[in-house]
Protein backbone atom coordinates (compact mmCIF):
# COMPACT_ATOMS: atom_id res chain seq x y z
CA MET A 1 -0.13 0.03 0.23
CA ARG A 2 1.40 3.02 -1.38
CA LEU A 3 0.88 5.50 2.20
CA GLN A 4 2.22 8.34 0.92
CA ASN A 5 -0.80 8.17 -1.88
CA TRP A 6 -3.01 7.30 0.49
CA PHE A 7 -3.01 9.85 2.67
CA ILE A 8 -4.49 13.33 1.14
CA ARG A 9 -3.18 16.37 1.91
CA ASN A 10 -5.02 18.55 -1.09
CA LEU A 11 -8.77 18.59 0.06
CA ASP A 12 -11.36 19.59 -2.09
CA ASP A 13 -13.82 22.24 -1.55
CA ILE A 14 -16.40 19.15 -0.04
CA GLN A 15 -13.81 17.64 2.15
CA ARG A 16 -12.85 20.87 2.72
CA GLU A 17 -15.70 22.02 4.44
CA VAL A 18 -15.55 18.78 6.76
CA ILE A 19 -11.96 20.27 8.64
CA ILE A 20 -13.89 23.86 8.96
CA GLU A 21 -16.83 22.37 10.69
CA SER A 22 -15.80 23.39 14.35
CA ILE A 23 -14.72 20.06 15.81
CA ASP A 24 -17.37 21.14 18.74
CA LYS A 25 -20.54 19.72 16.57
CA ASN A 26 -21.74 16.71 15.55
CA ILE A 27 -21.21 15.99 12.03
CA ILE A 28 -22.77 12.34 9.83
CA VAL A 29 -20.11 12.53 6.59
CA GLN A 30 -21.22 9.68 4.01
CA GLY A 31 -19.01 8.59 0.95
CA VAL A 32 -17.83 5.82 -1.48
CA ALA A 33 -15.20 4.09 -1.53
CA GLY A 34 -12.08 6.49 -2.22
CA SER A 35 -13.93 9.65 -1.26
CA GLY A 36 -11.02 10.10 1.53
CA LYS A 37 -13.41 9.66 4.75
CA THR A 38 -10.63 7.94 6.94
CA ASN A 39 -8.23 10.70 5.83
CA LEU A 40 -11.26 12.71 6.88
CA ALA A 41 -11.27 11.57 10.04
CA ILE A 42 -7.39 11.72 11.01
CA HIS A 43 -8.13 15.42 9.85
CA ARG A 44 -11.07 15.58 12.25
CA ALA A 45 -8.44 14.36 14.91
CA LEU A 46 -6.46 17.46 14.36
CA GLN A 47 -9.16 19.78 14.71
CA ALA A 48 -8.87 18.43 18.23
CA LYS A 49 -5.73 18.92 19.11
CA GLY A 50 -4.94 21.11 21.66
CA LYS A 51 -8.84 21.51 22.34
CA GLY A 52 -9.18 18.52 24.39
CA SER A 53 -8.76 15.28 24.18
CA TYR A 54 -9.68 12.94 21.19
CA ALA A 55 -10.26 9.48 20.01
CA ILE A 56 -10.37 7.69 17.14
CA VAL A 57 -12.50 4.31 16.86
CA ILE A 58 -13.05 2.26 14.51
CA MET A 59 -13.76 -1.67 13.55
CA THR A 60 -10.74 -3.72 12.58
CA VAL A 61 -7.46 -3.98 13.90
CA ALA A 62 -5.55 -4.01 10.37
CA LEU A 63 -6.78 -0.14 9.70
CA ARG A 64 -5.30 1.22 12.92
CA ARG A 65 -1.67 0.77 11.42
CA MET A 66 -2.85 2.82 8.21
CA ILE A 67 -4.80 5.46 10.23
CA ALA A 68 -1.30 5.56 12.99
CA TYR A 69 0.44 6.32 9.89
CA GLY A 70 -1.65 9.47 8.53
CA MET A 71 -1.97 10.65 12.17
CA LYS A 72 1.79 10.83 12.97
CA GLU A 73 2.32 12.50 9.29
CA LEU A 74 -0.02 15.53 10.99
CA GLY A 75 1.96 15.51 14.53
CA LEU A 76 -0.56 13.50 16.33
CA ASP A 77 -0.25 11.10 19.07
CA ASN A 78 -0.53 7.77 16.93
CA GLU A 79 -1.94 5.90 19.83
CA ARG A 80 -5.13 7.07 20.26
CA ILE A 81 -7.17 4.92 17.64
CA ALA A 82 -9.50 2.07 19.41
CA TYR A 83 -10.47 -1.36 17.60
CA ASP A 84 -14.35 -2.06 18.40
CA TRP A 85 -12.98 -4.67 21.11
CA ALA A 86 -10.23 -2.92 22.77
CA TRP A 87 -12.17 0.22 22.81
CA GLN A 88 -14.87 -1.70 25.18
CA HIS A 89 -12.38 -3.45 27.27
CA ARG A 90 -9.17 -2.10 27.76
CA GLY A 91 -8.53 1.20 25.34
CA PHE A 92 -5.97 2.46 23.28
CA ASP A 93 -3.11 -0.38 22.44
CA LEU A 94 0.52 0.68 21.55
CA ILE A 95 2.26 0.11 18.40
CA GLY A 96 4.64 -3.12 18.69
CA ASP A 97 6.17 -5.92 19.98
CA VAL A 98 6.19 -7.06 23.24
CA PHE A 99 9.44 -8.57 24.98
CA CYS A 100 10.48 -9.28 28.43
CA ALA A 101 13.74 -10.82 30.44
CA LYS A 102 14.61 -14.30 30.82
CA ARG A 103 16.47 -16.49 32.30
CA ILE A 104 17.18 -20.25 32.30
CA ASP A 105 16.85 -22.39 35.75
CA PHE A 106 19.69 -24.58 34.97
CA LEU A 107 19.26 -26.25 38.79
CA GLY A 108 15.31 -27.23 37.83
CA SER A 109 15.07 -28.69 34.37
CA SER A 110 16.26 -25.95 31.74
CA ILE A 111 12.64 -24.07 31.54
CA GLU A 112 12.92 -20.47 30.92
CA ILE A 113 11.84 -18.03 33.95
CA ILE A 114 10.44 -15.15 33.06
CA ASP A 115 11.62 -12.04 35.05
CA PRO A 116 7.63 -10.23 35.43
CA SER A 117 10.16 -6.86 36.42
CA PHE A 118 10.11 -4.93 33.16
CA VAL A 119 8.75 -5.58 29.45
CA TYR A 120 9.85 -3.70 26.25
CA LEU A 121 8.13 -2.52 23.18
CA VAL A 122 9.43 -2.81 20.04
CA ASN A 123 8.27 -0.89 16.72
CA GLY A 124 10.94 -0.90 13.70
CA ASN A 125 13.91 0.64 15.64
CA ILE A 126 12.47 2.27 18.34
CA VAL A 127 12.21 0.58 21.71
CA ARG A 128 10.86 1.52 24.53
CA LYS A 129 11.30 -0.13 28.02
CA PHE A 130 8.28 0.32 30.83
CA GLU A 131 9.01 -0.97 34.15
CA ARG A 132 6.04 -2.91 36.76
CA GLY A 133 4.67 -1.23 40.01
CA ASN A 134 1.05 0.32 41.15
CA TYR A 135 0.89 3.62 39.39
CA GLY A 136 -1.41 6.40 38.41
CA PRO A 137 -3.12 8.00 35.34
CA ASN A 138 -0.26 7.27 33.21
CA MET A 139 0.02 3.74 34.06
CA ILE A 140 0.53 0.97 30.94
CA GLY A 141 -1.23 -2.45 31.20
CA LEU A 142 -0.48 -5.54 29.55
CA ASP A 143 -2.90 -7.97 28.00
CA PHE A 144 -2.50 -11.18 25.77
CA ALA A 145 -4.56 -10.92 22.25
CA ASP A 146 -4.50 -14.27 22.17
CA TRP A 147 -3.98 -17.63 23.72
CA VAL A 148 -0.50 -17.82 25.37
CA ASP A 149 1.93 -20.05 27.08
CA ALA A 150 0.98 -20.06 31.11
CA ARG A 151 4.14 -18.72 31.79
CA PHE A 152 3.10 -15.28 30.51
CA TYR A 153 0.24 -15.52 31.86
CA ASN A 154 1.16 -16.71 35.80
CA ALA A 155 3.94 -13.55 35.67
CA TRP A 156 1.62 -10.80 34.65
CA GLY A 157 -2.31 -12.08 34.15
CA ARG A 158 -4.88 -10.32 32.25
CA ARG A 159 -4.93 -6.60 32.53
CA SER A 160 -4.07 -7.01 35.89
CA SER A 161 0.00 -5.50 35.58
CA TRP A 162 0.78 -2.23 35.37
CA PHE A 163 3.49 -0.05 34.52
CA LYS A 164 5.46 3.35 34.01
CA GLU A 165 7.96 4.11 31.28
CA VAL A 166 11.13 4.53 32.20
CA GLN A 167 14.74 5.56 30.14
CA THR A 168 15.24 2.38 27.65
CA ASP A 169 18.46 0.61 28.20
CA ASN A 170 21.38 0.06 26.18
CA ILE A 171 21.58 -3.62 27.02
CA PHE A 172 18.07 -5.04 25.71
CA SER A 173 18.35 -6.52 22.16
CA VAL A 174 15.59 -8.11 19.69
CA SER A 175 18.15 -11.00 19.12
CA SER A 176 19.84 -11.76 22.50
CA PRO A 177 18.78 -15.10 24.25
CA ASN A 178 18.26 -12.87 27.41
CA TYR A 179 15.11 -12.17 25.60
CA CYS A 180 11.93 -13.40 24.54
CA LEU A 181 8.70 -12.23 22.45
CA ILE A 182 5.81 -12.45 24.13
CA PRO A 183 3.66 -13.59 20.98
CA SER A 184 0.48 -12.02 21.66
CA GLY A 185 1.40 -9.61 24.53
CA THR A 186 0.04 -5.97 23.75
CA LEU A 187 0.76 -2.80 25.87
CA PHE A 188 -2.47 -0.70 26.33
CA LYS A 189 -3.35 2.68 28.22
CA PRO A 190 -6.12 2.79 29.98
CA CYS A 191 -9.52 5.07 27.73
CA GLU A 192 -10.43 8.06 29.95
CA ALA A 193 -14.01 7.89 31.41
CA ILE A 194 -14.81 10.77 28.92
CA ILE A 195 -13.31 11.40 25.67
CA ASP A 196 -14.19 15.09 24.80
CA TYR A 197 -13.92 14.53 20.89
CA LEU A 198 -15.00 11.15 19.77
CA ILE A 199 -14.23 9.79 15.97
CA VAL A 200 -16.24 6.86 14.71
CA ASP A 201 -14.16 5.62 10.81
CA GLU A 202 -16.64 3.26 9.05
CA ALA A 203 -19.60 4.27 11.28
CA GLN A 204 -21.76 1.83 9.65
CA ASP A 205 -20.59 -1.34 11.13
CA PHE A 206 -22.08 -0.03 14.32
CA ASN A 207 -25.60 -0.39 15.14
CA VAL A 208 -27.85 2.44 17.16
CA SER A 209 -27.60 -0.11 19.88
CA ASP A 210 -23.71 0.36 20.13
CA TYR A 211 -23.99 4.17 19.65
CA GLN A 212 -26.48 4.21 22.85
CA ASN A 213 -24.23 2.21 24.92
CA LYS A 214 -20.11 2.23 23.79
CA PHE A 215 -20.01 5.95 22.45
CA ILE A 216 -22.92 8.52 23.92
CA PRO A 217 -21.95 8.02 27.73
CA LYS A 218 -18.26 8.45 26.74
CA ILE A 219 -18.73 11.52 24.91
CA GLY A 220 -17.86 15.05 26.36
CA LYS A 221 -17.99 17.34 23.60
CA SER A 222 -18.85 15.61 19.88
CA LEU A 223 -19.38 13.24 17.73
CA SER A 224 -18.15 12.58 14.27
CA LEU A 225 -19.32 9.50 12.34
CA LEU A 226 -17.98 8.65 8.70
CA GLY A 227 -19.06 5.83 6.88
CA ASP A 228 -20.84 4.48 3.79
CA SER A 229 -23.86 1.86 3.60
CA ASN A 230 -22.25 -0.06 0.23
CA GLN A 231 -19.79 -0.88 2.91
CA LYS A 232 -21.22 -2.26 5.43
CA MET A 233 -19.60 -5.59 6.37
CA ILE A 234 -20.88 -6.48 10.39
CA SER A 235 -24.94 -6.99 9.57
CA SER A 236 -25.64 -5.82 12.79
CA GLY A 237 -24.39 -2.87 11.85
CA SER A 238 -26.88 0.50 11.06
CA SER A 239 -26.73 2.28 7.19
CA ILE A 240 -25.63 5.64 7.14
CA GLN A 241 -29.26 6.76 6.63
CA ASP A 242 -30.38 4.99 9.64
CA LEU A 243 -27.77 7.08 11.76
CA LYS A 244 -28.98 10.36 10.06
CA LEU A 245 -32.53 9.31 11.66
CA TYR A 246 -31.35 8.38 14.98
CA PHE A 247 -29.38 11.61 14.88
CA PRO A 248 -31.49 14.39 13.24
CA THR A 249 -29.42 16.84 14.55
CA TYR A 250 -26.18 15.90 13.43
CA LYS A 251 -24.98 17.94 10.41
CA PRO A 252 -24.60 15.61 7.26
CA PHE A 253 -21.82 15.94 4.74
CA ASN A 254 -21.89 14.05 1.41
CA LEU A 255 -18.79 13.06 0.07
CA LYS A 256 -18.78 14.00 -3.74
CA TYR A 257 -15.28 12.60 -5.61
CA ASN A 258 -13.81 9.24 -6.08
CA TYR A 259 -9.83 9.13 -6.28
CA ARG A 260 -9.23 5.54 -5.63
CA LEU A 261 -11.15 3.14 -8.23
CA PRO A 262 -9.89 3.91 -11.99
CA LYS A 263 -12.76 4.56 -14.08
CA ALA A 264 -11.95 0.94 -15.69
CA ILE A 265 -12.82 -0.77 -12.23
CA ALA A 266 -15.37 1.53 -11.41
CA ARG A 267 -17.53 0.64 -14.21
CA VAL A 268 -17.55 -2.98 -12.83
CA ALA A 269 -17.55 -2.53 -9.17
CA GLN A 270 -20.89 -0.42 -9.39
CA LYS A 271 -22.26 -3.37 -11.26
CA ILE A 272 -21.29 -5.67 -7.82
CA ALA A 273 -22.99 -3.01 -5.48
CA GLN A 274 -27.04 -3.45 -4.71
CA PRO A 275 -28.23 -1.19 -5.32
CA GLU A 276 -26.11 -0.22 -8.04
CA ILE A 277 -24.33 2.60 -7.40
CA ASP A 278 -22.38 5.25 -9.90
CA LEU A 279 -18.65 5.50 -9.29
CA LEU A 280 -18.27 7.36 -12.57
CA THR A 281 -20.44 10.69 -12.40
CA ASN A 282 -17.69 12.15 -10.32
CA ASN A 283 -14.59 10.18 -10.82
CA LEU A 284 -11.30 12.23 -10.07
CA LYS A 285 -8.86 9.43 -10.06
CA ASN A 286 -5.29 10.74 -12.37
CA GLY A 287 -7.92 13.63 -12.94
CA GLY A 288 -10.51 11.87 -14.37
CA ASP A 289 -8.38 10.22 -17.19
CA SER A 290 -8.91 6.77 -15.74
CA ASP A 291 -10.51 4.89 -18.14
CA PHE A 292 -9.17 2.14 -20.41
CA PRO A 293 -6.51 2.14 -22.43
CA THR A 294 -5.31 4.35 -19.42
CA TYR A 295 -5.97 1.57 -17.29
CA PRO A 296 -6.72 -2.01 -17.57
CA LYS A 297 -9.88 -3.76 -17.44
CA PRO A 298 -10.50 -6.10 -14.82
CA ILE A 299 -9.36 -9.72 -15.51
CA ILE A 300 -11.42 -12.77 -14.59
CA LYS A 301 -9.34 -16.36 -15.18
CA LYS A 302 -11.13 -19.30 -14.53
CA CYS A 303 -8.45 -22.16 -13.71
CA GLN A 304 -8.85 -25.29 -12.77
CA SER A 305 -7.75 -25.57 -9.40
CA ARG A 306 -7.45 -23.75 -6.46
CA GLU A 307 -3.37 -24.05 -6.77
CA GLU A 308 -3.91 -22.97 -10.14
CA GLU A 309 -5.38 -19.79 -8.93
CA VAL A 310 -2.89 -19.23 -6.86
CA LYS A 311 0.41 -19.58 -9.54
CA TRP A 312 -1.48 -17.93 -11.55
CA ILE A 313 -1.14 -15.15 -9.57
CA VAL A 314 2.29 -15.70 -8.85
CA ASN A 315 3.48 -16.15 -12.49
CA LYS A 316 1.36 -12.57 -12.98
CA ILE A 317 3.35 -11.02 -10.11
CA GLN A 318 6.27 -12.12 -11.55
CA ASN A 319 5.78 -11.91 -15.25
CA GLU A 320 5.04 -8.09 -15.00
CA THR A 321 7.66 -7.53 -12.17
CA LEU A 322 4.15 -6.14 -10.01
CA ASP A 323 4.35 -4.50 -6.66
CA ASP A 324 1.71 -3.10 -4.11
CA VAL A 325 -0.20 -6.41 -4.48
CA ALA A 326 -2.92 -7.52 -2.59
CA ILE A 327 -4.52 -11.09 -2.35
CA LEU A 328 -7.81 -10.68 -0.97
CA VAL A 329 -10.07 -13.93 -0.12
CA GLN A 330 -12.93 -14.08 2.26
CA ASN A 331 -11.65 -16.00 5.30
CA ASP A 332 -8.68 -16.56 7.62
CA SER A 333 -8.86 -19.93 6.61
CA ASP A 334 -8.53 -18.59 2.94
CA VAL A 335 -5.37 -16.20 4.07
CA GLN A 336 -3.75 -19.18 5.45
CA GLU A 337 -4.25 -21.58 2.05
CA VAL A 338 -3.27 -18.66 -0.17
CA VAL A 339 0.41 -17.89 2.42
CA LYS A 340 1.34 -21.46 2.10
CA LEU A 341 0.68 -21.73 -2.14
CA LEU A 342 2.71 -18.69 -2.26
CA ALA A 343 5.44 -20.13 -0.11
CA GLU A 344 5.48 -23.12 -2.23
CA ASN A 345 5.76 -20.82 -5.51
CA GLY A 346 8.81 -19.41 -4.38
CA ILE A 347 6.96 -16.42 -2.62
CA THR A 348 8.17 -16.69 1.25
CA GLU A 349 7.97 -13.47 2.70
CA VAL A 350 4.70 -11.51 2.44
CA GLN A 351 2.44 -8.67 4.81
CA THR A 352 -0.89 -10.71 6.13
CA HIS A 353 -3.16 -10.65 9.08
CA TYR A 354 -4.87 -14.18 10.37
CA ARG A 355 -6.07 -15.72 13.32
CA THR A 356 -5.18 -19.57 13.42
CA GLY A 357 -8.31 -20.90 14.68
CA LYS A 358 -11.02 -20.68 17.40
CA GLU A 359 -9.56 -23.35 19.62
CA VAL A 360 -6.76 -22.71 21.80
CA PRO A 361 -3.57 -22.45 21.43
CA PHE A 362 -4.84 -19.94 18.75
CA HIS A 363 -2.97 -17.17 17.45
CA THR A 364 -3.24 -14.04 15.55
CA ILE A 365 -0.36 -13.49 12.92
CA ASN A 366 -0.20 -10.01 11.50
CA THR A 367 3.06 -8.98 9.85
CA LEU A 368 1.56 -6.09 8.31
CA ASP A 369 3.73 -3.32 7.65
CA PHE A 370 1.77 -1.57 4.54
CA SER A 371 4.69 0.58 3.88
CA ASN A 372 7.14 -2.19 2.26
CA ASN A 373 5.58 -2.54 -0.73
CA ASP A 374 7.65 -5.41 -2.33
CA LEU A 375 5.70 -7.99 -0.07
CA PRO A 376 2.16 -8.91 -1.13
CA CYS A 377 -0.38 -8.19 1.14
CA ILE A 378 -2.68 -11.54 1.62
CA LEU A 379 -6.15 -9.97 3.58
CA ASP A 380 -9.76 -11.56 4.30
CA TYR A 381 -12.13 -8.96 2.50
CA TYR A 382 -12.87 -7.66 6.67
CA ALA A 383 -8.99 -6.52 7.09
CA ALA A 384 -8.75 -4.90 3.69
CA LYS A 385 -11.23 -2.59 4.74
CA GLY A 386 -10.04 0.99 4.39
CA SER A 387 -7.06 0.15 2.58
CA GLU A 388 -6.01 0.78 -1.35
CA PHE A 389 -3.36 -1.19 -3.42
CA ASP A 390 -2.28 -0.94 -6.68
CA HIS A 391 -2.91 -4.39 -7.91
CA VAL A 392 -5.79 -6.33 -6.18
CA PHE A 393 -6.36 -9.99 -6.82
CA VAL A 394 -9.36 -11.66 -5.44
CA PRO A 395 -8.91 -16.09 -5.63
CA PHE A 396 -11.61 -18.30 -5.19
CA ALA A 397 -14.67 -16.17 -6.35
CA ASN A 398 -17.00 -19.63 -6.40
CA GLU A 399 -20.40 -19.01 -6.10
CA GLY A 400 -21.25 -19.49 -2.65
CA HIS A 401 -17.77 -18.66 -1.03
CA VAL A 402 -17.14 -15.00 -1.61
CA GLY A 403 -19.76 -14.28 1.38
CA ARG A 404 -22.07 -11.70 1.62
CA ARG A 405 -22.22 -9.50 -1.30
CA HIS A 406 -21.12 -5.58 0.40
CA ASP A 407 -18.19 -7.72 1.81
CA PHE A 408 -17.02 -8.73 -2.11
CA PHE A 409 -17.65 -5.39 -3.28
CA VAL A 410 -15.25 -3.89 -0.11
CA ALA A 411 -12.66 -6.20 -1.45
CA CYS A 412 -12.79 -5.13 -5.60
CA THR A 413 -13.07 -1.28 -4.30
CA ARG A 414 -9.64 -1.41 -2.72
CA ALA A 415 -8.04 -1.54 -6.32
CA SER A 416 -6.43 1.83 -7.48
CA HIS A 417 -4.25 0.47 -10.64
CA SER A 418 -5.35 -2.98 -11.25
CA LEU A 419 -7.97 -5.74 -10.74
CA TYR A 420 -7.99 -9.60 -10.70
CA PHE A 421 -10.72 -12.43 -10.56
CA THR A 422 -9.72 -15.94 -10.58
CA TYR A 423 -12.20 -19.05 -9.95
CA SER A 424 -12.13 -22.77 -9.93
CA ALA A 425 -15.73 -24.09 -9.65
CA VAL A 426 -18.63 -21.67 -10.53
CA LYS A 427 -17.98 -18.26 -11.20
CA THR A 428 -19.76 -16.37 -8.50
CA SER A 429 -23.19 -14.38 -9.24
CA TYR A 430 -21.91 -10.63 -8.33
CA LEU A 431 -20.16 -11.16 -11.66
CA ASP A 432 -23.66 -11.41 -13.36
CA ASN A 433 -24.31 -8.07 -14.17
CA VAL A 434 -20.71 -6.81 -15.23
CA ASN A 435 -21.21 -5.82 -18.90
CA ASN A 436 -18.70 -8.35 -21.49
CA GLN A 437 -17.10 -5.32 -22.76
CA ASP A 438 -15.40 -4.13 -19.53
CA ILE A 439 -13.95 -7.01 -18.78
CA VAL A 440 -11.29 -9.61 -19.80
CA GLU A 441 -12.53 -12.58 -19.14
CA PHE A 442 -10.24 -16.24 -19.88
CA LYS A 443 -12.14 -19.48 -19.58
């Protein structure tokens, strides 16, 4: 994902209307895929800077990393982001991998003994150190995102051990045998009881009850909602129109322009949406010059097996030297299968996010970087929400396997240059309304 392209610095007139609206006013912003909603959520946080506490709440963990990039670009605290579960249970997760010190009990059975006194947070080349104790307002908690070995749980418990940040020493090293990664360790800041300015991105994935119980009681001054009904991926969520009816006094804004989708892709994507929407009239991708042949038509490829689908994708990536690639699939099981098949075809380094299962021991695998365009990004549709990539492949596009239409639409609208579908059984009916002249199909 080309973050420098995804993050908008020059706003259009309608986007500018949103960010000049007083941060003390409640607003609802509606816009199609690629209209800049997430960017505006970040700019809204910038308005709140210096006026009081603020937070951006989102539904998905993956989107958090992209928002953090934009917030950092604007000089904001990029740890003031919470995804749904964390918002309810712990607060704001710090960014990075958590390590601890260890030693070997040679007198016993050479078992690693965890030192519970300190933990380290590693984010790229930045290392932060935290000391355990009972602390006040600036305390940092330790939690586990998934199942962990009992030695970690016994050392700290879940959300029951507290730390303060101290000066980092020069002893710590990720490669040192004296330290080990806590596989699902997460450091977090507890959320304040009241937050002055609350900003909810992908607002359609929360329902009215969520707003009544999770958000309204914690708001000090204003609530900003940004979303798109056509990208609702949580069945219990509310349409933007429902939210407008529930919040009749909130000032509405309708973003007009699409900056992500080339017209060559928009023409296909608008047929997938239901009801169909217009993604062409106000399309400003590449200044409006984004139709075929400037941009390629989407490709649909019939294969004999799922293995052949992935092999075809690998050949496409390698033969055309594609970078900034995403392979988007319906669920975690598909993600794991693609990662495995890519490795069998010589692509062993990827960016991905998935859970290994629903029964313990299970883990969340998260190697997302988004700034490394050389490594393909393998995600399910849900985790891909809010992102964009030059080249998007949607394999396993078989009837009955691609989830709900909204989910499939979200996957298709992540592409900013080229879009590819592959299938090996019966092609999904979501593509039935696409005009033959708007695609290139190989059977």
